[in-house]
PDB file of N, CA and C in Angstrom:
ATOM      1  N   UNK A   1     -32.405  13.048 -57.536  1.00  0.00           N
ATOM      2  CA  UNK A   1     -31.293  12.666 -56.670  1.00  0.00           C
ATOM      3  C   UNK A   1     -31.798  12.362 -55.238  1.00  0.00           C
ATOM      4  N   UNK A   2     -31.124  11.408 -54.656  1.00  0.00           N
ATOM      5  CA  UNK A   2     -31.575  11.059 -53.358  1.00  0.00           C
ATOM      6  C   UNK A   2     -30.825  12.035 -52.262  1.00  0.00           C
ATOM      7  N   UNK A   3     -31.637  12.342 -51.338  1.00  0.00           N
ATOM      8  CA  UNK A   3     -31.134  13.186 -50.259  1.00  0.00           C
ATOM      9  C   UNK A   3     -30.446  12.279 -49.218  1.00  0.00           C
ATOM     10  N   UNK A   4     -29.315  12.522 -48.783  1.00  0.00           N
ATOM     11  CA  UNK A   4     -28.576  11.804 -47.805  1.00  0.00           C
ATOM     12  C   UNK A   4     -28.792  12.530 -46.425  1.00  0.00           C
ATOM     13  N   UNK A   5     -29.730  12.058 -45.589  1.00  0.00           N
ATOM     14  CA  UNK A   5     -30.126  12.774 -44.343  1.00  0.00           C
ATOM     15  C   UNK A   5     -29.454  12.096 -43.105  1.00  0.00           C
ATOM     16  N   UNK A   6     -28.831  10.912 -43.248  1.00  0.00           N
ATOM     17  CA  UNK A   6     -28.269  10.290 -42.076  1.00  0.00           C
ATOM     18  C   UNK A   6     -27.112  11.049 -41.543  1.00  0.00           C
ATOM     19  N   UNK A   7     -27.154  11.402 -40.259  1.00  0.00           N
ATOM     20  CA  UNK A   7     -25.982  12.157 -39.679  1.00  0.00           C
ATOM     21  C   UNK A   7     -25.327  11.219 -38.633  1.00  0.00           C
ATOM     22  N   UNK A   8     -24.058  11.444 -38.545  1.00  0.00           N
ATOM     23  CA  UNK A   8     -23.255  10.686 -37.591  1.00  0.00           C
ATOM     24  C   UNK A   8     -22.885  11.640 -36.458  1.00  0.00           C
ATOM     25  N   UNK A   9     -22.767  11.080 -35.254  1.00  0.00           N
ATOM     26  CA  UNK A   9     -22.356  11.915 -34.066  1.00  0.00           C
ATOM     27  C   UNK A   9     -23.360  11.721 -32.949  1.00  0.00           C
ATOM     28  N   UNK A  10     -23.065  12.446 -31.808  1.00  0.00           N
ATOM     29  CA  UNK A  10     -23.875  12.338 -30.685  1.00  0.00           C
ATOM     30  C   UNK A  10     -24.648  13.656 -30.466  1.00  0.00           C
ATOM     31  N   UNK A  11     -25.815  13.588 -29.934  1.00  0.00           N
ATOM     32  CA  UNK A  11     -26.543  14.802 -29.600  1.00  0.00           C
ATOM     33  C   UNK A  11     -26.135  15.250 -28.285  1.00  0.00           C
ATOM     34  N   UNK A  12     -26.455  16.485 -27.922  1.00  0.00           N
ATOM     35  CA  UNK A  12     -26.111  17.059 -26.570  1.00  0.00           C
ATOM     36  C   UNK A  12     -26.739  16.227 -25.451  1.00  0.00           C
ATOM     37  N   UNK A  13     -28.002  15.818 -25.628  1.00  0.00           N
ATOM     38  CA  UNK A  13     -28.734  15.025 -24.623  1.00  0.00           C
ATOM     39  C   UNK A  13     -27.972  13.700 -24.368  1.00  0.00           C
ATOM     40  N   UNK A  14     -27.577  13.023 -25.466  1.00  0.00           N
ATOM     41  CA  UNK A  14     -26.858  11.756 -25.311  1.00  0.00           C
ATOM     42  C   UNK A  14     -25.537  11.949 -24.593  1.00  0.00           C
ATOM     43  N   UNK A  15     -24.793  13.027 -24.829  1.00  0.00           N
ATOM     44  CA  UNK A  15     -23.559  13.295 -24.172  1.00  0.00           C
ATOM     45  C   UNK A  15     -23.827  13.630 -22.675  1.00  0.00           C
ATOM     46  N   UNK A  16     -24.935  14.310 -22.339  1.00  0.00           N
ATOM     47  CA  UNK A  16     -25.193  14.639 -20.968  1.00  0.00           C
ATOM     48  C   UNK A  16     -25.581  13.368 -20.277  1.00  0.00           C
ATOM     49  N   UNK A  17     -26.292  12.478 -20.872  1.00  0.00           N
ATOM     50  CA  UNK A  17     -26.601  11.177 -20.196  1.00  0.00           C
ATOM     51  C   UNK A  17     -25.431  10.399 -19.900  1.00  0.00           C
ATOM     52  N   UNK A  18     -24.487  10.320 -20.769  1.00  0.00           N
ATOM     53  CA  UNK A  18     -23.258   9.604 -20.574  1.00  0.00           C
ATOM     54  C   UNK A  18     -22.490  10.199 -19.462  1.00  0.00           C
ATOM     55  N   UNK A  19     -22.329  11.550 -19.410  1.00  0.00           N
ATOM     56  CA  UNK A  19     -21.580  12.194 -18.319  1.00  0.00           C
ATOM     57  C   UNK A  19     -22.310  11.990 -16.991  1.00  0.00           C
ATOM     58  N   UNK A  20     -23.631  11.931 -16.953  1.00  0.00           N
ATOM     59  CA  UNK A  20     -24.383  11.661 -15.725  1.00  0.00           C
ATOM     60  C   UNK A  20     -24.069  10.336 -15.208  1.00  0.00           C
ATOM     61  N   UNK A  21     -24.051   9.331 -16.129  1.00  0.00           N
ATOM     62  CA  UNK A  21     -23.731   7.930 -15.682  1.00  0.00           C
ATOM     63  C   UNK A  21     -22.348   7.828 -15.212  1.00  0.00           C
ATOM     64  N   UNK A  22     -21.390   8.366 -15.862  1.00  0.00           N
ATOM     65  CA  UNK A  22     -19.975   8.388 -15.385  1.00  0.00           C
ATOM     66  C   UNK A  22     -19.892   9.068 -14.073  1.00  0.00           C
ATOM     67  N   UNK A  23     -20.500  10.177 -13.871  1.00  0.00           N
ATOM     68  CA  UNK A  23     -20.421  10.884 -12.574  1.00  0.00           C
ATOM     69  C   UNK A  23     -21.017  10.043 -11.466  1.00  0.00           C
ATOM     70  N   UNK A  24     -22.065   9.367 -11.696  1.00  0.00           N
ATOM     71  CA  UNK A  24     -22.667   8.490 -10.628  1.00  0.00           C
ATOM     72  C   UNK A  24     -21.768   7.319 -10.340  1.00  0.00           C
ATOM     73  N   UNK A  25     -21.121   6.767 -11.296  1.00  0.00           N
ATOM     74  CA  UNK A  25     -20.197   5.690 -11.022  1.00  0.00           C
ATOM     75  C   UNK A  25     -19.018   6.100 -10.183  1.00  0.00           C
ATOM     76  N   UNK A  26     -18.520   7.330 -10.470  1.00  0.00           N
ATOM     77  CA  UNK A  26     -17.391   7.887  -9.732  1.00  0.00           C
ATOM     78  C   UNK A  26     -17.844   8.137  -8.284  1.00  0.00           C
ATOM     79  N   UNK A  27     -19.096   8.747  -8.123  1.00  0.00           N
ATOM     80  CA  UNK A  27     -19.612   9.012  -6.784  1.00  0.00           C
ATOM     81  C   UNK A  27     -19.718   7.718  -5.970  1.00  0.00           C
ATOM     82  N   UNK A  28     -20.000   6.600  -6.570  1.00  0.00           N
ATOM     83  CA  UNK A  28     -20.139   5.325  -5.910  1.00  0.00           C
ATOM     84  C   UNK A  28     -18.742   4.706  -5.581  1.00  0.00           C
ATOM     85  N   UNK A  29     -17.788   4.898  -6.532  1.00  0.00           N
ATOM     86  CA  UNK A  29     -16.523   4.169  -6.337  1.00  0.00           C
ATOM     87  C   UNK A  29     -15.589   4.934  -5.355  1.00  0.00           C
ATOM     88  N   UNK A  30     -15.530   6.258  -5.314  1.00  0.00           N
ATOM     89  CA  UNK A  30     -14.613   6.918  -4.451  1.00  0.00           C
ATOM     90  C   UNK A  30     -14.782   6.679  -3.008  1.00  0.00           C
ATOM     91  N   UNK A  31     -16.010   6.649  -2.497  1.00  0.00           N
ATOM     92  CA  UNK A  31     -16.148   6.274  -1.000  1.00  0.00           C
ATOM     93  C   UNK A  31     -15.650   4.851  -0.622  1.00  0.00           C
ATOM     94  N   UNK A  32     -15.906   3.927  -1.636  1.00  0.00           N
ATOM     95  CA  UNK A  32     -15.475   2.565  -1.411  1.00  0.00           C
ATOM     96  C   UNK A  32     -13.933   2.417  -1.287  1.00  0.00           C
ATOM     97  N   UNK A  33     -13.313   3.168  -2.141  1.00  0.00           N
ATOM     98  CA  UNK A  33     -11.840   3.120  -2.178  1.00  0.00           C
ATOM     99  C   UNK A  33     -11.197   3.728  -0.852  1.00  0.00           C
ATOM    100  N   UNK A  34     -11.765   4.898  -0.492  1.00  0.00           N
ATOM    101  CA  UNK A  34     -11.301   5.531   0.683  1.00  0.00           C
ATOM    102  C   UNK A  34     -11.563   4.784   1.993  1.00  0.00           C
ATOM    103  N   UNK A  35     -12.707   4.049   1.988  1.00  0.00           N
ATOM    104  CA  UNK A  35     -13.086   3.264   3.136  1.00  0.00           C
ATOM    105  C   UNK A  35     -12.057   2.118   3.416  1.00  0.00           C
ATOM    106  N   UNK A  36     -11.526   1.548   2.372  1.00  0.00           N
ATOM    107  CA  UNK A  36     -10.632   0.495   2.516  1.00  0.00           C
ATOM    108  C   UNK A  36      -9.129   0.913   2.646  1.00  0.00           C
ATOM    109  N   UNK A  37      -8.857   2.160   2.603  1.00  0.00           N
ATOM    110  CA  UNK A  37      -7.449   2.601   2.696  1.00  0.00           C
ATOM    111  C   UNK A  37      -6.797   2.187   4.036  1.00  0.00           C
ATOM    112  N   UNK A  38      -7.487   2.251   5.132  1.00  0.00           N
ATOM    113  CA  UNK A  38      -6.918   1.786   6.391  1.00  0.00           C
ATOM    114  C   UNK A  38      -6.571   0.325   6.384  1.00  0.00           C
ATOM    115  N   UNK A  39      -7.486  -0.503   5.826  1.00  0.00           N
ATOM    116  CA  UNK A  39      -7.200  -1.942   5.716  1.00  0.00           C
ATOM    117  C   UNK A  39      -5.975  -2.199   4.762  1.00  0.00           C
ATOM    118  N   UNK A  40      -5.889  -1.428   3.794  1.00  0.00           N
ATOM    119  CA  UNK A  40      -4.747  -1.575   2.830  1.00  0.00           C
ATOM    120  C   UNK A  40      -3.468  -1.227   3.548  1.00  0.00           C
ATOM    121  N   UNK A  41      -3.458  -0.113   4.339  1.00  0.00           N
ATOM    122  CA  UNK A  41      -2.237   0.266   5.090  1.00  0.00           C
ATOM    123  C   UNK A  41      -1.826  -0.753   6.080  1.00  0.00           C
ATOM    124  N   UNK A  42      -2.833  -1.358   6.843  1.00  0.00           N
ATOM    125  CA  UNK A  42      -2.542  -2.375   7.786  1.00  0.00           C
ATOM    126  C   UNK A  42      -1.903  -3.663   7.119  1.00  0.00           C
ATOM    127  N   UNK A  43      -2.459  -4.012   6.043  1.00  0.00           N
ATOM    128  CA  UNK A  43      -1.947  -5.196   5.326  1.00  0.00           C
ATOM    129  C   UNK A  43      -0.567  -4.905   4.758  1.00  0.00           C
ATOM    130  N   UNK A  44      -0.361  -3.704   4.269  1.00  0.00           N
ATOM    131  CA  UNK A  44       0.944  -3.415   3.756  1.00  0.00           C
ATOM    132  C   UNK A  44       2.004  -3.399   4.839  1.00  0.00           C
ATOM    133  N   UNK A  45       1.601  -2.863   6.007  1.00  0.00           N
ATOM    134  CA  UNK A  45       2.564  -2.848   7.138  1.00  0.00           C
ATOM    135  C   UNK A  45       2.826  -4.240   7.582  1.00  0.00           C
ATOM    136  N   UNK A  46       1.804  -5.066   7.722  1.00  0.00           N
ATOM    137  CA  UNK A  46       2.083  -6.488   8.113  1.00  0.00           C
ATOM    138  C   UNK A  46       3.003  -7.173   7.139  1.00  0.00           C
ATOM    139  N   UNK A  47       2.887  -6.972   5.802  1.00  0.00           N
ATOM    140  CA  UNK A  47       3.791  -7.563   4.906  1.00  0.00           C
ATOM    141  C   UNK A  47       5.230  -7.085   4.985  1.00  0.00           C
ATOM    142  N   UNK A  48       5.299  -5.771   5.268  1.00  0.00           N
ATOM    143  CA  UNK A  48       6.631  -5.100   5.458  1.00  0.00           C
ATOM    144  C   UNK A  48       7.348  -5.662   6.697  1.00  0.00           C
ATOM    145  N   UNK A  49       6.546  -5.903   7.819  1.00  0.00           N
ATOM    146  CA  UNK A  49       7.099  -6.481   9.023  1.00  0.00           C
ATOM    147  C   UNK A  49       7.562  -7.885   8.760  1.00  0.00           C
ATOM    148  N   UNK A  50       6.887  -8.711   7.968  1.00  0.00           N
ATOM    149  CA  UNK A  50       7.370 -10.102   7.639  1.00  0.00           C
ATOM    150  C   UNK A  50       8.664  -9.976   6.818  1.00  0.00           C
ATOM    151  N   UNK A  51       8.723  -9.058   5.911  1.00  0.00           N
ATOM    152  CA  UNK A  51       9.999  -8.833   5.150  1.00  0.00           C
ATOM    153  C   UNK A  51      11.116  -8.527   6.035  1.00  0.00           C
ATOM    154  N   UNK A  52      10.907  -7.552   6.999  1.00  0.00           N
ATOM    155  CA  UNK A  52      11.975  -7.203   7.979  1.00  0.00           C
ATOM    156  C   UNK A  52      12.384  -8.321   8.796  1.00  0.00           C
ATOM    157  N   UNK A  53      11.364  -9.137   9.238  1.00  0.00           N
ATOM    158  CA  UNK A  53      11.743 -10.339  10.055  1.00  0.00           C
ATOM    159  C   UNK A  53      12.540 -11.308   9.257  1.00  0.00           C
ATOM    160  N   UNK A  54      12.335 -11.413   7.954  1.00  0.00           N
ATOM    161  CA  UNK A  54      13.173 -12.216   7.065  1.00  0.00           C
ATOM    162  C   UNK A  54      14.558 -11.697   6.988  1.00  0.00           C
ATOM    163  N   UNK A  55      14.757 -10.407   6.955  1.00  0.00           N
ATOM    164  CA  UNK A  55      16.090  -9.775   6.937  1.00  0.00           C
ATOM    165  C   UNK A  55      16.794  -9.954   8.274  1.00  0.00           C
ATOM    166  N   UNK A  56      16.058  -9.979   9.369  1.00  0.00           N
ATOM    167  CA  UNK A  56      16.661 -10.204  10.721  1.00  0.00           C
ATOM    168  C   UNK A  56      17.192 -11.656  10.661  1.00  0.00           C
ATOM    169  N   UNK A  57      16.447 -12.596  10.166  1.00  0.00           N
ATOM    170  CA  UNK A  57      16.919 -13.976  10.032  1.00  0.00           C
ATOM    171  C   UNK A  57      18.223 -14.134   9.143  1.00  0.00           C
ATOM    172  N   UNK A  58      18.201 -13.400   8.050  1.00  0.00           N
ATOM    173  CA  UNK A  58      19.349 -13.398   7.117  1.00  0.00           C
ATOM    174  C   UNK A  58      20.546 -12.815   7.841  1.00  0.00           C
ATOM    175  N   UNK A  59      20.342 -11.787   8.621  1.00  0.00           N
ATOM    176  CA  UNK A  59      21.429 -11.136   9.321  1.00  0.00           C
ATOM    177  C   UNK A  59      22.026 -12.068  10.370  1.00  0.00           C
ATOM    178  N   UNK A  60      21.033 -12.848  11.097  1.00  0.00           N
ATOM    179  CA  UNK A  60      21.474 -13.784  12.078  1.00  0.00           C
ATOM    180  C   UNK A  60      22.287 -14.935  11.497  1.00  0.00           C
ATOM    181  N   UNK A  61      21.902 -15.396  10.294  1.00  0.00           N
ATOM    182  CA  UNK A  61      22.671 -16.451   9.678  1.00  0.00           C
ATOM    183  C   UNK A  61      23.962 -15.982   9.124  1.00  0.00           C
ATOM    184  N   UNK A  62      24.046 -14.750   8.626  1.00  0.00           N
ATOM    185  CA  UNK A  62      25.294 -14.232   8.054  1.00  0.00           C
ATOM    186  C   UNK A  62      26.239 -13.835   9.057  1.00  0.00           C
ATOM    187  N   UNK A  63      25.852 -13.156  10.099  1.00  0.00           N
ATOM    188  CA  UNK A  63      26.654 -12.513  11.097  1.00  0.00           C
ATOM    189  C   UNK A  63      26.854 -13.435  12.330  1.00  0.00           C
ATOM    190  N   UNK A  64      26.095 -14.451  12.459  1.00  0.00           N
ATOM    191  CA  UNK A  64      26.149 -15.420  13.635  1.00  0.00           C
ATOM    192  C   UNK A  64      25.797 -14.668  14.999  1.00  0.00           C
ATOM    193  N   UNK A  65      24.979 -13.652  14.812  1.00  0.00           N
ATOM    194  CA  UNK A  65      24.554 -12.889  16.020  1.00  0.00           C
ATOM    195  C   UNK A  65      23.227 -12.238  15.754  1.00  0.00           C
ATOM    196  N   UNK A  66      22.385 -11.876  16.768  1.00  0.00           N
ATOM    197  CA  UNK A  66      21.152 -11.262  16.556  1.00  0.00           C
ATOM    198  C   UNK A  66      21.387  -9.797  16.427  1.00  0.00           C
ATOM    199  N   UNK A  67      20.785  -9.050  15.524  1.00  0.00           N
ATOM    200  CA  UNK A  67      20.912  -7.646  15.475  1.00  0.00           C
ATOM    201  C   UNK A  67      20.300  -6.954  16.749  1.00  0.00           C
ATOM    202  N   UNK A  68      20.878  -5.910  17.245  1.00  0.00           N
ATOM    203  CA  UNK A  68      20.430  -5.247  18.429  1.00  0.00           C
ATOM    204  C   UNK A  68      19.407  -4.154  18.095  1.00  0.00           C
ATOM    205  N   UNK A  69      19.441  -3.666  16.846  1.00  0.00           N
ATOM    206  CA  UNK A  69      18.541  -2.636  16.439  1.00  0.00           C
ATOM    207  C   UNK A  69      18.404  -2.688  14.854  1.00  0.00           C
ATOM    208  N   UNK A  70      17.470  -1.852  14.377  1.00  0.00           N
ATOM    209  CA  UNK A  70      17.401  -1.766  12.984  1.00  0.00           C
ATOM    210  C   UNK A  70      18.573  -1.080  12.323  1.00  0.00           C
ATOM    211  N   UNK A  71      19.339  -0.289  13.112  1.00  0.00           N
ATOM    212  CA  UNK A  71      20.570   0.297  12.604  1.00  0.00           C
ATOM    213  C   UNK A  71      21.584  -0.727  12.193  1.00  0.00           C
ATOM    214  N   UNK A  72      21.649  -1.795  12.884  1.00  0.00           N
ATOM    215  CA  UNK A  72      22.577  -2.887  12.499  1.00  0.00           C
ATOM    216  C   UNK A  72      22.178  -3.413  11.072  1.00  0.00           C
ATOM    217  N   UNK A  73      20.936  -3.497  10.803  1.00  0.00           N
ATOM    218  CA  UNK A  73      20.481  -4.004   9.506  1.00  0.00           C
ATOM    219  C   UNK A  73      20.667  -2.969   8.364  1.00  0.00           C
ATOM    220  N   UNK A  74      20.520  -1.730   8.723  1.00  0.00           N
ATOM    221  CA  UNK A  74      20.712  -0.663   7.723  1.00  0.00           C
ATOM    222  C   UNK A  74      22.171  -0.432   7.434  1.00  0.00           C
ATOM    223  N   UNK A  75      23.036  -0.535   8.493  1.00  0.00           N
ATOM    224  CA  UNK A  75      24.454  -0.391   8.326  1.00  0.00           C
ATOM    225  C   UNK A  75      25.067  -1.460   7.401  1.00  0.00           C
ATOM    226  N   UNK A  76      24.526  -2.678   7.497  1.00  0.00           N
ATOM    227  CA  UNK A  76      25.075  -3.792   6.651  1.00  0.00           C
ATOM    228  C   UNK A  76      24.227  -3.961   5.364  1.00  0.00           C
ATOM    229  N   UNK A  77      23.299  -2.966   5.104  1.00  0.00           N
ATOM    230  CA  UNK A  77      22.539  -2.902   3.903  1.00  0.00           C
ATOM    231  C   UNK A  77      21.552  -4.041   3.752  1.00  0.00           C
ATOM    232  N   UNK A  78      21.040  -4.520   4.851  1.00  0.00           N
ATOM    233  CA  UNK A  78      19.940  -5.518   4.807  1.00  0.00           C
ATOM    234  C   UNK A  78      18.577  -4.791   4.575  1.00  0.00           C
ATOM    235  N   UNK A  79      18.574  -3.492   5.062  1.00  0.00           N
ATOM    236  CA  UNK A  79      17.393  -2.744   4.909  1.00  0.00           C
ATOM    237  C   UNK A  79      17.784  -1.267   4.412  1.00  0.00           C
ATOM    238  N   UNK A  80      16.818  -0.574   3.702  1.00  0.00           N
ATOM    239  CA  UNK A  80      17.167   0.782   3.307  1.00  0.00           C
ATOM    240  C   UNK A  80      17.142   1.718   4.636  1.00  0.00           C
ATOM    241  N   UNK A  81      17.661   2.876   4.366  1.00  0.00           N
ATOM    242  CA  UNK A  81      17.679   3.869   5.538  1.00  0.00           C
ATOM    243  C   UNK A  81      16.260   4.179   6.049  1.00  0.00           C
ATOM    244  N   UNK A  82      16.118   4.347   7.344  1.00  0.00           N
ATOM    245  CA  UNK A  82      14.855   4.640   7.935  1.00  0.00           C
ATOM    246  C   UNK A  82      13.742   3.703   7.575  1.00  0.00           C
ATOM    247  N   UNK A  83      13.850   2.427   7.917  1.00  0.00           N
ATOM    248  CA  UNK A  83      12.770   1.485   7.577  1.00  0.00           C
ATOM    249  C   UNK A  83      11.553   1.781   8.405  1.00  0.00           C
ATOM    250  N   UNK A  84      10.428   1.888   7.716  1.00  0.00           N
ATOM    251  CA  UNK A  84       9.156   2.107   8.409  1.00  0.00           C
ATOM    252  C   UNK A  84       8.013   1.541   7.555  1.00  0.00           C
ATOM    253  N   UNK A  85       6.821   1.398   8.157  1.00  0.00           N
ATOM    254  CA  UNK A  85       5.729   0.858   7.464  1.00  0.00           C
ATOM    255  C   UNK A  85       5.249   1.921   6.412  1.00  0.00           C
ATOM    256  N   UNK A  86       4.509   1.377   5.394  1.00  0.00           N
ATOM    257  CA  UNK A  86       4.109   2.313   4.369  1.00  0.00           C
ATOM    258  C   UNK A  86       3.179   3.450   4.844  1.00  0.00           C
ATOM    259  N   UNK A  87       2.510   3.228   6.041  1.00  0.00           N
ATOM    260  CA  UNK A  87       1.702   4.236   6.612  1.00  0.00           C
ATOM    261  C   UNK A  87       2.453   5.145   7.645  1.00  0.00           C
ATOM    262  N   UNK A  88       3.756   5.010   7.692  1.00  0.00           N
ATOM    263  CA  UNK A  88       4.639   5.941   8.514  1.00  0.00           C
ATOM    264  C   UNK A  88       4.932   5.451   9.860  1.00  0.00           C
ATOM    265  N   UNK A  89       4.387   4.372  10.310  1.00  0.00           N
ATOM    266  CA  UNK A  89       4.710   3.918  11.694  1.00  0.00           C
ATOM    267  C   UNK A  89       6.128   3.323  11.753  1.00  0.00           C
ATOM    268  N   UNK A  90       6.805   3.615  12.872  1.00  0.00           N
ATOM    269  CA  UNK A  90       8.187   3.192  13.059  1.00  0.00           C
ATOM    270  C   UNK A  90       8.227   1.700  13.535  1.00  0.00           C
ATOM    271  N   UNK A  91       9.289   1.064  13.126  1.00  0.00           N
ATOM    272  CA  UNK A  91       9.523  -0.329  13.539  1.00  0.00           C
ATOM    273  C   UNK A  91      10.695  -0.398  14.548  1.00  0.00           C
ATOM    274  N   UNK A  92      10.695  -1.483  15.310  1.00  0.00           N
ATOM    275  CA  UNK A  92      11.855  -1.758  16.217  1.00  0.00           C
ATOM    276  C   UNK A  92      11.963  -3.244  16.382  1.00  0.00           C
ATOM    277  N   UNK A  93      13.101  -3.704  16.880  1.00  0.00           N
ATOM    278  CA  UNK A  93      13.361  -5.115  17.046  1.00  0.00           C
ATOM    279  C   UNK A  93      13.521  -5.324  18.532  1.00  0.00           C
ATOM    280  N   UNK A  94      12.832  -6.382  19.075  1.00  0.00           N
ATOM    281  CA  UNK A  94      13.013  -6.711  20.513  1.00  0.00           C
ATOM    282  C   UNK A  94      14.156  -7.657  20.716  1.00  0.00           C
ATOM    283  N   UNK A  95      14.327  -8.072  21.852  1.00  0.00           N
ATOM    284  CA  UNK A  95      15.610  -8.907  22.227  1.00  0.00           C
ATOM    285  C   UNK A  95      15.521 -10.256  21.556  1.00  0.00           C
ATOM    286  N   UNK A  96      14.328 -10.745  21.195  1.00  0.00           N
ATOM    287  CA  UNK A  96      14.236 -12.096  20.613  1.00  0.00           C
ATOM    288  C   UNK A  96      14.287 -12.014  19.059  1.00  0.00           C
ATOM    289  N   UNK A  97      14.455 -10.827  18.518  1.00  0.00           N
ATOM    290  CA  UNK A  97      14.559 -10.717  17.041  1.00  0.00           C
ATOM    291  C   UNK A  97      13.185 -10.517  16.447  1.00  0.00           C
ATOM    292  N   UNK A  98      12.166 -10.300  17.238  1.00  0.00           N
ATOM    293  CA  UNK A  98      10.861 -10.058  16.674  1.00  0.00           C
ATOM    294  C   UNK A  98      10.701  -8.594  16.396  1.00  0.00           C
ATOM    295  N   UNK A  99      10.160  -8.332  15.243  1.00  0.00           N
ATOM    296  CA  UNK A  99       9.899  -6.964  14.763  1.00  0.00           C
ATOM    297  C   UNK A  99       8.605  -6.391  15.342  1.00  0.00           C
ATOM    298  N   UNK A 100       8.634  -5.254  15.911  1.00  0.00           N
ATOM    299  CA  UNK A 100       7.458  -4.695  16.601  1.00  0.00           C
ATOM    300  C   UNK A 100       7.148  -3.319  15.810  1.00  0.00           C
ATOM    301  N   UNK A 101       5.886  -2.900  15.835  1.00  0.00           N
ATOM    302  CA  UNK A 101       5.471  -1.741  15.161  1.00  0.00           C
ATOM    303  C   UNK A 101       5.013  -0.746  16.252  1.00  0.00           C
ATOM    304  N   UNK A 102       5.504   0.449  16.200  1.00  0.00           N
ATOM    305  CA  UNK A 102       5.044   1.511  17.183  1.00  0.00           C
ATOM    306  C   UNK A 102       3.626   1.794  16.951  1.00  0.00           C
ATOM    307  N   UNK A 103       2.837   1.801  18.012  1.00  0.00           N
ATOM    308  CA  UNK A 103       1.461   2.173  17.861  1.00  0.00           C
ATOM    309  C   UNK A 103       0.496   1.007  17.690  1.00  0.00           C
ATOM    310  N   UNK A 104       0.991  -0.210  17.832  1.00  0.00           N
ATOM    311  CA  UNK A 104       0.054  -1.366  17.821  1.00  0.00           C
ATOM    312  C   UNK A 104       0.675  -2.484  17.032  1.00  0.00           C
ATOM    313  N   UNK A 105      -0.025  -3.584  17.025  1.00  0.00           N
ATOM    314  CA  UNK A 105       0.407  -4.865  16.430  1.00  0.00           C
ATOM    315  C   UNK A 105      -0.132  -4.862  15.013  1.00  0.00           C
ATOM    316  N   UNK A 106       0.605  -5.581  14.151  1.00  0.00           N
ATOM    317  CA  UNK A 106       0.101  -5.756  12.750  1.00  0.00           C
ATOM    318  C   UNK A 106      -0.204  -7.192  12.515  1.00  0.00           C
ATOM    319  N   UNK A 107      -0.252  -8.089  13.521  1.00  0.00           N
ATOM    320  CA  UNK A 107      -0.613  -9.469  13.363  1.00  0.00           C
ATOM    321  C   UNK A 107      -2.117  -9.562  12.920  1.00  0.00           C
ATOM    322  N   UNK A 108      -2.371 -10.394  11.930  1.00  0.00           N
ATOM    323  CA  UNK A 108      -3.739 -10.543  11.449  1.00  0.00           C
ATOM    324  C   UNK A 108      -4.607 -11.292  12.408  1.00  0.00           C
TER     325      UNK A 108
END
């Protein structure tokens, strides 16, 4: 009779090498993701400001007047309650209908 010696599966050393490679990839990836989080927040805030400016224009066309504050937009359901940037910065509207961000500009 023939002996069947072929075994299937992974050895402990093979598993440890795979875990080492995965760990190294994670160690490389995590700092890159966290480094770009500020850039992601700024771009998200800039996009939200553009959306709010669009809602200001829609309010102006519908109501035939400029909103005096964000409360006007939330009262008429153009925006959700407490509109703010994804990073938590507050928004405001100036007299010309331009949306401003507290703590700095979001213009690219």
